Amino acid sequence: DTARALGLEPLAKIIMAQNTSDLTGTASRYISDNV
């Protein structure tokens, strides 16, 4: 619930789709004051 509130559910769905070649780069787009 805490992670969803931080807007991280799209990232979880991307990981589950298992079709990205640059996971670190994808994760960097979710960095914020709280992440």
All heavy atoms as atom14 arrays in JSON, in Angstrom:
{
  "sequence": "DTARALGLEPLAKIIMAQNTSDLTGTASRYISDNV",
  "atom14_mask": [
    [1, 1, 1, 1, 1, 1, 1, 1, 0, 0, 0, 0, 0, 0],
    [1, 1, 1, 1, 1, 1, 1, 0, 0, 0, 0, 0, 0, 0],
    [1, 1, 1, 1, 1, 0, 0, 0, 0, 0, 0, 0, 0, 0],
    [1, 1, 1, 1, 1, 1, 1, 1, 1, 1, 1, 0, 0, 0],
    [1, 1, 1, 1, 1, 0, 0, 0, 0, 0, 0, 0, 0, 0],
    [1, 1, 1, 1, 1, 1, 1, 1, 0, 0, 0, 0, 0, 0],
    [1, 1, 1, 1, 0, 0, 0, 0, 0, 0, 0, 0, 0, 0],
    [1, 1, 1, 1, 1, 1, 1, 1, 0, 0, 0, 0, 0, 0],
    [1, 1, 1, 1, 1, 1, 1, 1, 1, 0, 0, 0, 0, 0],
    [1, 1, 1, 1, 1, 1, 1, 0, 0, 0, 0, 0, 0, 0],
    [1, 1, 1, 1, 1, 1, 1, 1, 0, 0, 0, 0, 0, 0],
    [1, 1, 1, 1, 1, 0, 0, 0, 0, 0, 0, 0, 0, 0],
    [1, 1, 1, 1, 1, 1, 1, 1, 1, 0, 0, 0, 0, 0],
    [1, 1, 1, 1, 1, 1, 1, 1, 0, 0, 0, 0, 0, 0],
    [1, 1, 1, 1, 1, 1, 1, 1, 0, 0, 0, 0, 0, 0],
    [1, 1, 1, 1, 1, 1, 1, 1, 0, 0, 0, 0, 0, 0],
    [1, 1, 1, 1, 1, 0, 0, 0, 0, 0, 0, 0, 0, 0],
    [1, 1, 1, 1, 1, 1, 1, 1, 1, 0, 0, 0, 0, 0],
    [1, 1, 1, 1, 1, 1, 1, 1, 0, 0, 0, 0, 0, 0],
    [1, 1, 1, 1, 1, 1, 1, 0, 0, 0, 0, 0, 0, 0],
    [1, 1, 1, 1, 1, 1, 0, 0, 0, 0, 0, 0, 0, 0],
    [1, 1, 1, 1, 1, 1, 1, 1, 0, 0, 0, 0, 0, 0],
    [1, 1, 1, 1, 1, 1, 1, 1, 0, 0, 0, 0, 0, 0],
    [1, 1, 1, 1, 1, 1, 1, 0, 0, 0, 0, 0, 0, 0],
    [1, 1, 1, 1, 0, 0, 0, 0, 0, 0, 0, 0, 0, 0],
    [1, 1, 1, 1, 1, 1, 1, 0, 0, 0, 0, 0, 0, 0],
    [1, 1, 1, 1, 1, 0, 0, 0, 0, 0, 0, 0, 0, 0],
    [1, 1, 1, 1, 1, 1, 0, 0, 0, 0, 0, 0, 0, 0],
    [1, 1, 1, 1, 1, 1, 1, 1, 1, 1, 1, 0, 0, 0],
    [1, 1, 1, 1, 1, 1, 1, 1, 1, 1, 1, 1, 0, 0],
    [1, 1, 1, 1, 1, 1, 1, 1, 0, 0, 0, 0, 0, 0],
    [1, 1, 1, 1, 1, 1, 0, 0, 0, 0, 0, 0, 0, 0],
    [1, 1, 1, 1, 1, 1, 1, 1, 0, 0, 0, 0, 0, 0],
    [1, 1, 1, 1, 1, 1, 1, 1, 0, 0, 0, 0, 0, 0],
    [1, 1, 1, 1, 1, 1, 1, 0, 0, 0, 0, 0, 0, 0]
  ],
  "atom14_positions": [
    [[0.84, -1.21, 0.0], [0.0, 0.0, 0.0], [0.86, 1.25, 0.0], [0.59, 2.23, -0.71], [-0.92, 0.01, 1.23], [-1.99, -1.06, 1.17], [-2.38, -1.44, 0.05], [-2.42, -1.52, 2.24], [0.0, 0.0, 0.0], [0.0, 0.0, 0.0], [0.0, 0.0, 0.0], [0.0, 0.0, 0.0], [0.0, 0.0, 0.0], [0.0, 0.0, 0.0]],
    [[1.92, 1.22, 0.82], [2.84, 2.36, 0.88], [3.5, 2.59, -0.47], [3.61, 3.74, -0.95], [3.93, 2.11, 1.96], [3.29, 1.89, 3.21], [4.88, 3.28, 2.06], [0.0, 0.0, 0.0], [0.0, 0.0, 0.0], [0.0, 0.0, 0.0], [0.0, 0.0, 0.0], [0.0, 0.0, 0.0], [0.0, 0.0, 0.0], [0.0, 0.0, 0.0]],
    [[3.93, 1.5, -1.12], [4.58, 1.61, -2.44], [3.61, 2.14, -3.49], [3.99, 2.95, -4.35], [5.12, 0.25, -2.85], [0.0, 0.0, 0.0], [0.0, 0.0, 0.0], [0.0, 0.0, 0.0], [0.0, 0.0, 0.0], [0.0, 0.0, 0.0], [0.0, 0.0, 0.0], [0.0, 0.0, 0.0], [0.0, 0.0, 0.0], [0.0, 0.0, 0.0]],
    [[2.37, 1.7, -3.43], [1.36, 2.21, -4.38], [1.15, 3.71, -4.19], [1.01, 4.46, -5.16], [0.05, 1.46, -4.2], [0.06, 0.03, -4.7], [-1.34, -0.57, -4.74], [-1.29, -1.99, -5.05], [-1.28, -2.96, -4.16], [-1.33, -2.66, -2.86], [-1.21, -4.23, -4.52], [0.0, 0.0, 0.0], [0.0, 0.0, 0.0], [0.0, 0.0, 0.0]],
    [[1.11, 4.12, -2.93], [0.91, 5.54, -2.63], [2.06, 6.39, -3.17], [1.89, 7.58, -3.47], [0.77, 5.74, -1.12], [0.0, 0.0, 0.0], [0.0, 0.0, 0.0], [0.0, 0.0, 0.0], [0.0, 0.0, 0.0], [0.0, 0.0, 0.0], [0.0, 0.0, 0.0], [0.0, 0.0, 0.0], [0.0, 0.0, 0.0], [0.0, 0.0, 0.0]],
    [[3.23, 5.75, -3.31], [4.41, 6.45, -3.86], [4.45, 6.38, -5.38], [5.42, 6.82, -6.01], [5.69, 5.84, -3.28], [5.9, 6.03, -1.76], [7.09, 5.22, -1.28], [6.1, 7.52, -1.44], [0.0, 0.0, 0.0], [0.0, 0.0, 0.0], [0.0, 0.0, 0.0], [0.0, 0.0, 0.0], [0.0, 0.0, 0.0], [0.0, 0.0, 0.0]],
    [[3.41, 5.78, -5.99], [3.31, 5.72, -7.45], [4.17, 4.65, -8.09], [4.55, 4.78, -9.27], [0.0, 0.0, 0.0], [0.0, 0.0, 0.0], [0.0, 0.0, 0.0], [0.0, 0.0, 0.0], [0.0, 0.0, 0.0], [0.0, 0.0, 0.0], [0.0, 0.0, 0.0], [0.0, 0.0, 0.0], [0.0, 0.0, 0.0], [0.0, 0.0, 0.0]],
    [[4.46, 3.57, -7.36], [5.39, 2.56, -7.87], [4.69, 1.35, -8.5], [5.37, 0.43, -8.96], [6.32, 2.09, -6.74], [7.25, 3.18, -6.18], [8.0, 2.66, -4.96], [8.24, 3.64, -7.26], [0.0, 0.0, 0.0], [0.0, 0.0, 0.0], [0.0, 0.0, 0.0], [0.0, 0.0, 0.0], [0.0, 0.0, 0.0], [0.0, 0.0, 0.0]],
    [[3.35, 1.34, -8.55], [2.67, 0.18, -9.13], [2.98, 0.03, -10.63], [3.18, -1.11, -11.1], [1.17, 0.27, -8.9], [0.45, -1.02, -9.33], [-0.95, -1.12, -8.75], [-1.56, -0.07, -8.43], [-1.44, -2.26, -8.61], [0.0, 0.0, 0.0], [0.0, 0.0, 0.0], [0.0, 0.0, 0.0], [0.0, 0.0, 0.0], [0.0, 0.0, 0.0]],
    [[3.07, 1.14, -11.43], [3.45, 0.96, -12.85], [4.8, 0.27, -13.01], [4.98, -0.55, -13.92], [3.48, 2.4, -13.37], [2.52, 3.14, -12.49], [2.71, 2.53, -11.13], [0.0, 0.0, 0.0], [0.0, 0.0, 0.0], [0.0, 0.0, 0.0], [0.0, 0.0, 0.0], [0.0, 0.0, 0.0], [0.0, 0.0, 0.0], [0.0, 0.0, 0.0]],
    [[5.75, 0.61, -12.14], [7.07, -0.03, -12.21], [6.94, -1.53, -11.92], [7.58, -2.36, -12.58], [8.04, 0.62, -11.22], [9.44, 0.0, -11.13], [10.15, 0.04, -12.5], [10.29, 0.74, -10.08], [0.0, 0.0, 0.0], [0.0, 0.0, 0.0], [0.0, 0.0, 0.0], [0.0, 0.0, 0.0], [0.0, 0.0, 0.0], [0.0, 0.0, 0.0]],
    [[6.1, -1.88, -10.95], [5.89, -3.3, -10.62], [5.31, -4.03, -11.83], [5.7, -5.18, -12.12], [4.95, -3.43, -9.42], [0.0, 0.0, 0.0], [0.0, 0.0, 0.0], [0.0, 0.0, 0.0], [0.0, 0.0, 0.0], [0.0, 0.0, 0.0], [0.0, 0.0, 0.0], [0.0, 0.0, 0.0], [0.0, 0.0, 0.0], [0.0, 0.0, 0.0]],
    [[4.4, -3.38, -12.54], [3.8, -4.01, -13.73], [4.82, -4.17, -14.85], [4.81, -5.18, -15.56], [2.62, -3.17, -14.21], [1.41, -3.23, -13.27], [0.25, -2.36, -13.78], [-0.95, -2.47, -12.85], [-2.06, -1.6, -13.29], [0.0, 0.0, 0.0], [0.0, 0.0, 0.0], [0.0, 0.0, 0.0], [0.0, 0.0, 0.0], [0.0, 0.0, 0.0]],
    [[5.71, -3.19, -14.98], [6.77, -3.28, -16.01], [7.68, -4.47, -15.7], [8.05, -5.25, -16.59], [7.58, -1.96, -16.06], [6.71, -0.84, -16.66], [8.86, -2.15, -16.88], [7.33, 0.54, -16.51], [0.0, 0.0, 0.0], [0.0, 0.0, 0.0], [0.0, 0.0, 0.0], [0.0, 0.0, 0.0], [0.0, 0.0, 0.0], [0.0, 0.0, 0.0]],
    [[8.06, -4.6, -14.43], [8.92, -5.72, -14.03], [8.22, -7.04, -14.31], [8.83, -7.99, -14.84], [9.31, -5.61, -12.54], [10.22, -4.4, -12.31], [10.01, -6.89, -12.06], [10.49, -4.08, -10.85], [0.0, 0.0, 0.0], [0.0, 0.0, 0.0], [0.0, 0.0, 0.0], [0.0, 0.0, 0.0], [0.0, 0.0, 0.0], [0.0, 0.0, 0.0]],
    [[6.94, -7.13, -13.98], [6.19, -8.37, -14.19], [6.03, -8.69, -15.68], [5.94, -9.85, -16.08], [4.81, -8.29, -13.53], [4.85, -8.44, -12.02], [5.67, -9.95, -11.47], [4.62, -11.19, -12.21], [0.0, 0.0, 0.0], [0.0, 0.0, 0.0], [0.0, 0.0, 0.0], [0.0, 0.0, 0.0], [0.0, 0.0, 0.0], [0.0, 0.0, 0.0]],
    [[6.02, -7.66, -16.52], [5.92, -7.88, -17.97], [7.21, -8.5, -18.51], [7.21, -9.18, -19.55], [5.62, -6.57, -18.69], [0.0, 0.0, 0.0], [0.0, 0.0, 0.0], [0.0, 0.0, 0.0], [0.0, 0.0, 0.0], [0.0, 0.0, 0.0], [0.0, 0.0, 0.0], [0.0, 0.0, 0.0], [0.0, 0.0, 0.0], [0.0, 0.0, 0.0]],
    [[8.33, -8.23, -17.82], [9.63, -8.87, -18.11], [10.11, -8.64, -19.55], [10.68, -9.52, -20.18], [9.55, -10.38, -17.81], [9.19, -10.7, -16.37], [8.88, -12.15, -16.13], [9.69, -13.01, -16.47], [7.72, -12.44, -15.54], [0.0, 0.0, 0.0], [0.0, 0.0, 0.0], [0.0, 0.0, 0.0], [0.0, 0.0, 0.0], [0.0, 0.0, 0.0]],
    [[9.9, -7.4, -20.03], [10.34, -7.14, -21.41], [11.15, -5.85, -21.55], [11.27, -5.29, -22.64], [9.13, -7.1, -22.36], [8.1, -6.07, -21.93], [8.38, -5.25, -21.06], [6.93, -6.12, -22.54], [0.0, 0.0, 0.0], [0.0, 0.0, 0.0], [0.0, 0.0, 0.0], [0.0, 0.0, 0.0], [0.0, 0.0, 0.0], [0.0, 0.0, 0.0]],
    [[11.68, -5.34, -20.44], [12.53, -4.15, -20.53], [14.0, -4.57, -20.5], [14.37, -5.48, -19.78], [12.23, -3.17, -19.38], [13.07, -2.03, -19.52], [12.49, -3.8, -18.02], [0.0, 0.0, 0.0], [0.0, 0.0, 0.0], [0.0, 0.0, 0.0], [0.0, 0.0, 0.0], [0.0, 0.0, 0.0], [0.0, 0.0, 0.0], [0.0, 0.0, 0.0]],
    [[14.84, -3.84, -21.27], [16.26, -4.18, -21.31], [17.09, -3.28, -20.4], [18.25, -3.55, -20.12], [16.79, -4.07, -22.75], [16.53, -2.75, -23.25], [0.0, 0.0, 0.0], [0.0, 0.0, 0.0], [0.0, 0.0, 0.0], [0.0, 0.0, 0.0], [0.0, 0.0, 0.0], [0.0, 0.0, 0.0], [0.0, 0.0, 0.0], [0.0, 0.0, 0.0]],
    [[16.48, -2.17, -19.95], [17.2, -1.24, -19.08], [16.36, -0.98, -17.83], [15.67, 0.04, -17.73], [17.47, 0.07, -19.83], [18.28, 1.06, -18.99], [18.82, 0.64, -17.94], [18.32, 2.25, -19.35], [0.0, 0.0, 0.0], [0.0, 0.0, 0.0], [0.0, 0.0, 0.0], [0.0, 0.0, 0.0], [0.0, 0.0, 0.0], [0.0, 0.0, 0.0]],
    [[16.42, -1.91, -16.89], [15.57, -1.82, -15.7], [16.01, -0.65, -14.81], [15.17, 0.05, -14.25], [15.63, -3.13, -14.91], [14.7, -3.21, -13.7], [13.25, -2.98, -14.1], [14.85, -4.57, -13.01], [0.0, 0.0, 0.0], [0.0, 0.0, 0.0], [0.0, 0.0, 0.0], [0.0, 0.0, 0.0], [0.0, 0.0, 0.0], [0.0, 0.0, 0.0]],
    [[17.34, -0.43, -14.7], [17.84, 0.67, -13.87], [17.35, 2.0, -14.4], [16.89, 2.87, -13.65], [19.37, 0.65, -13.81], [19.82, -0.62, -13.34], [19.89, 1.75, -12.88], [0.0, 0.0, 0.0], [0.0, 0.0, 0.0], [0.0, 0.0, 0.0], [0.0, 0.0, 0.0], [0.0, 0.0, 0.0], [0.0, 0.0, 0.0], [0.0, 0.0, 0.0]],
    [[17.43, 2.15, -15.72], [16.96, 3.39, -16.34], [15.47, 3.58, -16.13], [15.01, 4.69, -15.86], [0.0, 0.0, 0.0], [0.0, 0.0, 0.0], [0.0, 0.0, 0.0], [0.0, 0.0, 0.0], [0.0, 0.0, 0.0], [0.0, 0.0, 0.0], [0.0, 0.0, 0.0], [0.0, 0.0, 0.0], [0.0, 0.0, 0.0], [0.0, 0.0, 0.0]],
    [[14.74, 2.49, -16.26], [13.28, 2.56, -16.05], [12.98, 2.95, -14.61], [12.12, 3.8, -14.35], [12.63, 1.2, -16.36], [12.95, 0.83, -17.7], [11.12, 1.27, -16.19], [0.0, 0.0, 0.0], [0.0, 0.0, 0.0], [0.0, 0.0, 0.0], [0.0, 0.0, 0.0], [0.0, 0.0, 0.0], [0.0, 0.0, 0.0], [0.0, 0.0, 0.0]],
    [[13.7, 2.36, -13.67], [13.47, 2.65, -12.25], [13.8, 4.09, -11.91], [13.17, 4.7, -11.04], [14.3, 1.7, -11.39], [0.0, 0.0, 0.0], [0.0, 0.0, 0.0], [0.0, 0.0, 0.0], [0.0, 0.0, 0.0], [0.0, 0.0, 0.0], [0.0, 0.0, 0.0], [0.0, 0.0, 0.0], [0.0, 0.0, 0.0], [0.0, 0.0, 0.0]],
    [[14.81, 4.67, -12.62], [15.23, 6.05, -12.33], [14.12, 7.05, -12.59], [14.09, 8.14, -12.01], [16.48, 6.41, -13.15], [16.16, 6.46, -14.53], [0.0, 0.0, 0.0], [0.0, 0.0, 0.0], [0.0, 0.0, 0.0], [0.0, 0.0, 0.0], [0.0, 0.0, 0.0], [0.0, 0.0, 0.0], [0.0, 0.0, 0.0], [0.0, 0.0, 0.0]],
    [[13.18, 6.69, -13.44], [12.07, 7.59, -13.77], [11.09, 7.73, -12.6], [10.23, 8.6, -12.6], [11.32, 7.11, -15.01], [12.18, 7.1, -16.28], [11.32, 7.16, -17.53], [10.46, 6.0, -17.68], [10.8, 4.88, -18.31], [12.01, 4.79, -18.87], [9.97, 3.87, -18.4], [0.0, 0.0, 0.0], [0.0, 0.0, 0.0], [0.0, 0.0, 0.0]],
    [[11.22, 6.86, -11.6], [10.29, 6.87, -10.47], [10.92, 7.49, -9.21], [10.32, 7.46, -8.14], [9.82, 5.45, -10.16], [8.95, 4.9, -11.27], [9.51, 4.25, -12.36], [7.57, 5.08, -11.25], [8.72, 3.77, -13.39], [6.76, 4.61, -12.28], [7.34, 3.94, -13.35], [6.55, 3.48, -14.37], [0.0, 0.0, 0.0], [0.0, 0.0, 0.0]],
    [[12.14, 8.07, -9.39], [12.79, 8.73, -8.27], [12.06, 10.04, -7.96], [11.68, 10.78, -8.86], [14.28, 8.99, -8.58], [15.04, 7.65, -8.66], [14.91, 9.89, -7.51], [16.49, 7.8, -9.08], [0.0, 0.0, 0.0], [0.0, 0.0, 0.0], [0.0, 0.0, 0.0], [0.0, 0.0, 0.0], [0.0, 0.0, 0.0], [0.0, 0.0, 0.0]],
    [[11.88, 10.29, -6.65], [11.21, 11.51, -6.2], [11.72, 11.84, -4.81], [12.63, 11.18, -4.29], [9.69, 11.3, -6.16], [9.36, 10.33, -5.17], [0.0, 0.0, 0.0], [0.0, 0.0, 0.0], [0.0, 0.0, 0.0], [0.0, 0.0, 0.0], [0.0, 0.0, 0.0], [0.0, 0.0, 0.0], [0.0, 0.0, 0.0], [0.0, 0.0, 0.0]],
    [[11.11, 12.86, -4.18], [11.53, 13.22, -2.82], [11.33, 12.06, -1.85], [12.12, 11.88, -0.92], [10.71, 14.42, -2.33], [11.09, 15.7, -3.08], [12.16, 15.7, -3.73], [10.3, 16.66, -3.03], [0.0, 0.0, 0.0], [0.0, 0.0, 0.0], [0.0, 0.0, 0.0], [0.0, 0.0, 0.0], [0.0, 0.0, 0.0], [0.0, 0.0, 0.0]],
    [[10.28, 11.3, -2.1], [9.97, 10.17, -1.21], [10.59, 8.86, -1.67], [10.55, 7.85, -0.96], [8.46, 9.99, -1.08], [7.82, 11.17, -0.38], [8.33, 11.65, 0.62], [6.71, 11.66, -0.93], [0.0, 0.0, 0.0], [0.0, 0.0, 0.0], [0.0, 0.0, 0.0], [0.0, 0.0, 0.0], [0.0, 0.0, 0.0], [0.0, 0.0, 0.0]],
    [[11.11, 8.83, -2.9], [11.79, 7.64, -3.44], [13.17, 8.11, -3.9], [13.37, 8.45, -5.07], [11.01, 7.02, -4.61], [11.69, 5.72, -5.07], [9.56, 6.76, -4.23], [0.0, 0.0, 0.0], [0.0, 0.0, 0.0], [0.0, 0.0, 0.0], [0.0, 0.0, 0.0], [0.0, 0.0, 0.0], [0.0, 0.0, 0.0], [0.0, 0.0, 0.0]]
  ]
}
